Amino acid sequence: MQDARLARQAELERRYDGPIPEGELLLARFGSAAAVELLAAAGNAAFYRRMLQRQIATIRRRRGEGSAYPSLLRDLRLYRDRWRYWRRKQRIASALLADGRLQ
């Protein structure tokens, strides 16, 4: 498996004289579109989860100081919605990859 990925990457490096397009490079490195999608979804879910945690901490601190404002809650909703979206995509990609339907 690793040898096939290295061979695909070497082929891309021979084919392109300049930078390799990101999509093709990711496919060569991770072996399938499913793996790339799962990796992207997991990374984005982790990012938004961390944003949620930090925003909650900020809101708590600001409330304690008496300097909270409504935009903090709007941002919190945005981060929560994006986190849910990426978790859903991660679950779907993981299930499809496990079933072998997405390669």
C-alpha atoms as a PDB file:
ATOM      1  CA  MET A   1       0.000   0.000   0.000  1.00  0.00           C
ATOM      2  CA  GLN A   2       2.746   2.445   0.994  1.00  0.00           C
ATOM      3  CA  ASP A   3       4.739   1.541  -2.137  1.00  0.00           C
ATOM      4  CA  ALA A   4       1.708   2.265  -4.347  1.00  0.00           C
ATOM      5  CA  ARG A   5       1.272   5.683  -2.729  1.00  0.00           C
ATOM      6  CA  LEU A   6       4.948   6.510  -3.192  1.00  0.00           C
ATOM      7  CA  ALA A   7       4.777   5.381  -6.811  1.00  0.00           C
ATOM      8  CA  ARG A   8       1.728   7.625  -7.443  1.00  0.00           C
ATOM      9  CA  GLN A   9       3.478  10.563  -5.831  1.00  0.00           C
ATOM     10  CA  ALA A  10       6.638   9.950  -7.876  1.00  0.00           C
ATOM     11  CA  GLU A  11       4.506   9.810 -11.046  1.00  0.00           C
ATOM     12  CA  LEU A  12       2.921  13.165 -10.175  1.00  0.00           C
ATOM     13  CA  GLU A  13       6.347  14.713  -9.587  1.00  0.00           C
ATOM     14  CA  ARG A  14       7.477  13.513 -13.025  1.00  0.00           C
ATOM     15  CA  ARG A  15       4.289  14.739 -14.698  1.00  0.00           C
ATOM     16  CA  TYR A  16       4.290  18.292 -13.279  1.00  0.00           C
ATOM     17  CA  ASP A  17       7.123  20.730 -13.848  1.00  0.00           C
ATOM     18  CA  GLY A  18       5.885  23.068 -11.118  1.00  0.00           C
ATOM     19  CA  PRO A  19       3.753  22.673  -8.029  1.00  0.00           C
ATOM     20  CA  ILE A  20       1.476  19.615  -7.956  1.00  0.00           C
ATOM     21  CA  PRO A  21      -2.234  20.493  -7.591  1.00  0.00           C
ATOM     22  CA  GLU A  22      -3.311  20.004  -3.979  1.00  0.00           C
ATOM     23  CA  GLY A  23      -6.137  17.580  -4.760  1.00  0.00           C
ATOM     24  CA  GLU A  24      -3.934  15.210  -6.728  1.00  0.00           C
ATOM     25  CA  LEU A  25      -1.191  15.375  -4.139  1.00  0.00           C
ATOM     26  CA  LEU A  26      -3.612  14.494  -1.332  1.00  0.00           C
ATOM     27  CA  LEU A  27      -5.005  11.561  -3.300  1.00  0.00           C
ATOM     28  CA  ALA A  28      -1.495  10.257  -3.906  1.00  0.00           C
ATOM     29  CA  ARG A  29      -0.518  10.617  -0.246  1.00  0.00           C
ATOM     30  CA  PHE A  30      -3.616   9.115   1.340  1.00  0.00           C
ATOM     31  CA  GLY A  31      -4.659   6.601  -1.289  1.00  0.00           C
ATOM     32  CA  SER A  32      -8.326   7.453  -1.798  1.00  0.00           C
ATOM     33  CA  ALA A  33     -10.832  10.261  -1.945  1.00  0.00           C
ATOM     34  CA  ALA A  34     -12.534   8.781   1.112  1.00  0.00           C
ATOM     35  CA  ALA A  35      -9.374   9.012   3.171  1.00  0.00           C
ATOM     36  CA  VAL A  36      -8.837  12.609   2.077  1.00  0.00           C
ATOM     37  CA  GLU A  37     -12.452  13.531   2.895  1.00  0.00           C
ATOM     38  CA  LEU A  38     -12.293  11.807   6.269  1.00  0.00           C
ATOM     39  CA  LEU A  39      -9.031  13.533   7.125  1.00  0.00           C
ATOM     40  CA  ALA A  40     -10.383  16.963   6.119  1.00  0.00           C
ATOM     41  CA  ALA A  41     -13.601  16.444   8.089  1.00  0.00           C
ATOM     42  CA  ALA A  42     -11.732  15.280  11.190  1.00  0.00           C
ATOM     43  CA  GLY A  43      -9.364  18.249  11.019  1.00  0.00           C
ATOM     44  CA  ASN A  44     -12.158  20.773  10.599  1.00  0.00           C
ATOM     45  CA  ALA A  45     -14.224  19.170  13.373  1.00  0.00           C
ATOM     46  CA  ALA A  46     -11.240  19.366  15.730  1.00  0.00           C
ATOM     47  CA  PHE A  47     -10.645  23.007  14.776  1.00  0.00           C
ATOM     48  CA  TYR A  48     -14.239  24.058  15.457  1.00  0.00           C
ATOM     49  CA  ARG A  49     -14.367  22.031  18.678  1.00  0.00           C
ATOM     50  CA  ARG A  50     -11.365  23.969  19.937  1.00  0.00           C
ATOM     51  CA  MET A  51     -12.971  27.249  18.842  1.00  0.00           C
ATOM     52  CA  LEU A  52     -16.094  26.273  20.809  1.00  0.00           C
ATOM     53  CA  GLN A  53     -14.070  25.556  23.927  1.00  0.00           C
ATOM     54  CA  ARG A  54     -12.185  28.821  23.714  1.00  0.00           C
ATOM     55  CA  GLN A  55     -15.317  30.833  23.000  1.00  0.00           C
ATOM     56  CA  ILE A  56     -17.072  29.345  26.031  1.00  0.00           C
ATOM     57  CA  ALA A  57     -14.067  30.213  28.187  1.00  0.00           C
ATOM     58  CA  THR A  58     -14.079  33.766  26.795  1.00  0.00           C
ATOM     59  CA  ILE A  59     -17.807  34.190  27.461  1.00  0.00           C
ATOM     60  CA  ARG A  60     -17.430  32.956  31.032  1.00  0.00           C
ATOM     61  CA  ARG A  61     -14.493  35.252  31.647  1.00  0.00           C
ATOM     62  CA  ARG A  62     -16.245  38.258  30.084  1.00  0.00           C
ATOM     63  CA  ARG A  63     -19.423  37.628  32.084  1.00  0.00           C
ATOM     64  CA  GLY A  64     -17.340  37.553  35.245  1.00  0.00           C
ATOM     65  CA  GLU A  65     -15.726  40.847  34.295  1.00  0.00           C
ATOM     66  CA  GLY A  66     -19.028  42.377  33.212  1.00  0.00           C
ATOM     67  CA  SER A  67     -17.802  42.973  29.657  1.00  0.00           C
ATOM     68  CA  ALA A  68     -19.767  40.321  27.712  1.00  0.00           C
ATOM     69  CA  TYR A  69     -21.569  41.369  24.544  1.00  0.00           C
ATOM     70  CA  PRO A  70     -24.064  39.640  22.163  1.00  0.00           C
ATOM     71  CA  SER A  71     -21.570  39.017  19.356  1.00  0.00           C
ATOM     72  CA  LEU A  72     -19.798  36.478  21.542  1.00  0.00           C
ATOM     73  CA  LEU A  73     -22.939  34.317  21.552  1.00  0.00           C
ATOM     74  CA  ARG A  74     -23.419  34.679  17.798  1.00  0.00           C
ATOM     75  CA  ASP A  75     -19.859  33.495  17.265  1.00  0.00           C
ATOM     76  CA  LEU A  76     -20.475  30.597  19.645  1.00  0.00           C
ATOM     77  CA  ARG A  77     -23.521  29.538  17.591  1.00  0.00           C
ATOM     78  CA  LEU A  78     -21.507  29.716  14.391  1.00  0.00           C
ATOM     79  CA  TYR A  79     -18.709  27.560  15.824  1.00  0.00           C
ATOM     80  CA  ARG A  80     -21.228  25.044  17.186  1.00  0.00           C
ATOM     81  CA  ASP A  81     -23.042  24.796  13.839  1.00  0.00           C
ATOM     82  CA  ARG A  82     -19.797  24.353  11.906  1.00  0.00           C
ATOM     83  CA  TRP A  83     -18.566  21.744  14.408  1.00  0.00           C
ATOM     84  CA  ARG A  84     -21.815  19.769  14.004  1.00  0.00           C
ATOM     85  CA  TYR A  85     -21.569  20.015  10.223  1.00  0.00           C
ATOM     86  CA  TRP A  86     -18.014  18.670  10.135  1.00  0.00           C
ATOM     87  CA  ARG A  87     -18.793  15.918  12.690  1.00  0.00           C
ATOM     88  CA  ARG A  88     -21.685  14.809  10.492  1.00  0.00           C
ATOM     89  CA  LYS A  89     -19.440  14.752   7.416  1.00  0.00           C
ATOM     90  CA  GLN A  90     -16.819  12.835   9.396  1.00  0.00           C
ATOM     91  CA  ARG A  91     -19.353  10.199  10.489  1.00  0.00           C
ATOM     92  CA  ILE A  92     -20.686   9.797   6.950  1.00  0.00           C
ATOM     93  CA  ALA A  93     -17.224   9.483   5.394  1.00  0.00           C
ATOM     94  CA  SER A  94     -16.149   7.055   8.096  1.00  0.00           C
ATOM     95  CA  ALA A  95     -19.215   4.869   7.559  1.00  0.00           C
ATOM     96  CA  LEU A  96     -18.807   4.873   3.784  1.00  0.00           C
ATOM     97  CA  LEU A  97     -15.132   4.040   4.085  1.00  0.00           C
ATOM     98  CA  ALA A  98     -15.876   1.203   6.523  1.00  0.00           C
ATOM     99  CA  ASP A  99     -18.548  -0.210   4.172  1.00  0.00           C
ATOM    100  CA  GLY A 100     -16.165   0.052   1.240  1.00  0.00           C
ATOM    101  CA  ARG A 101     -18.613   2.204  -0.717  1.00  0.00           C
ATOM    102  CA  LEU A 102     -16.284   5.200  -0.905  1.00  0.00           C
ATOM    103  CA  GLN A 103     -12.802   4.680  -2.271  1.00  0.00           C
END
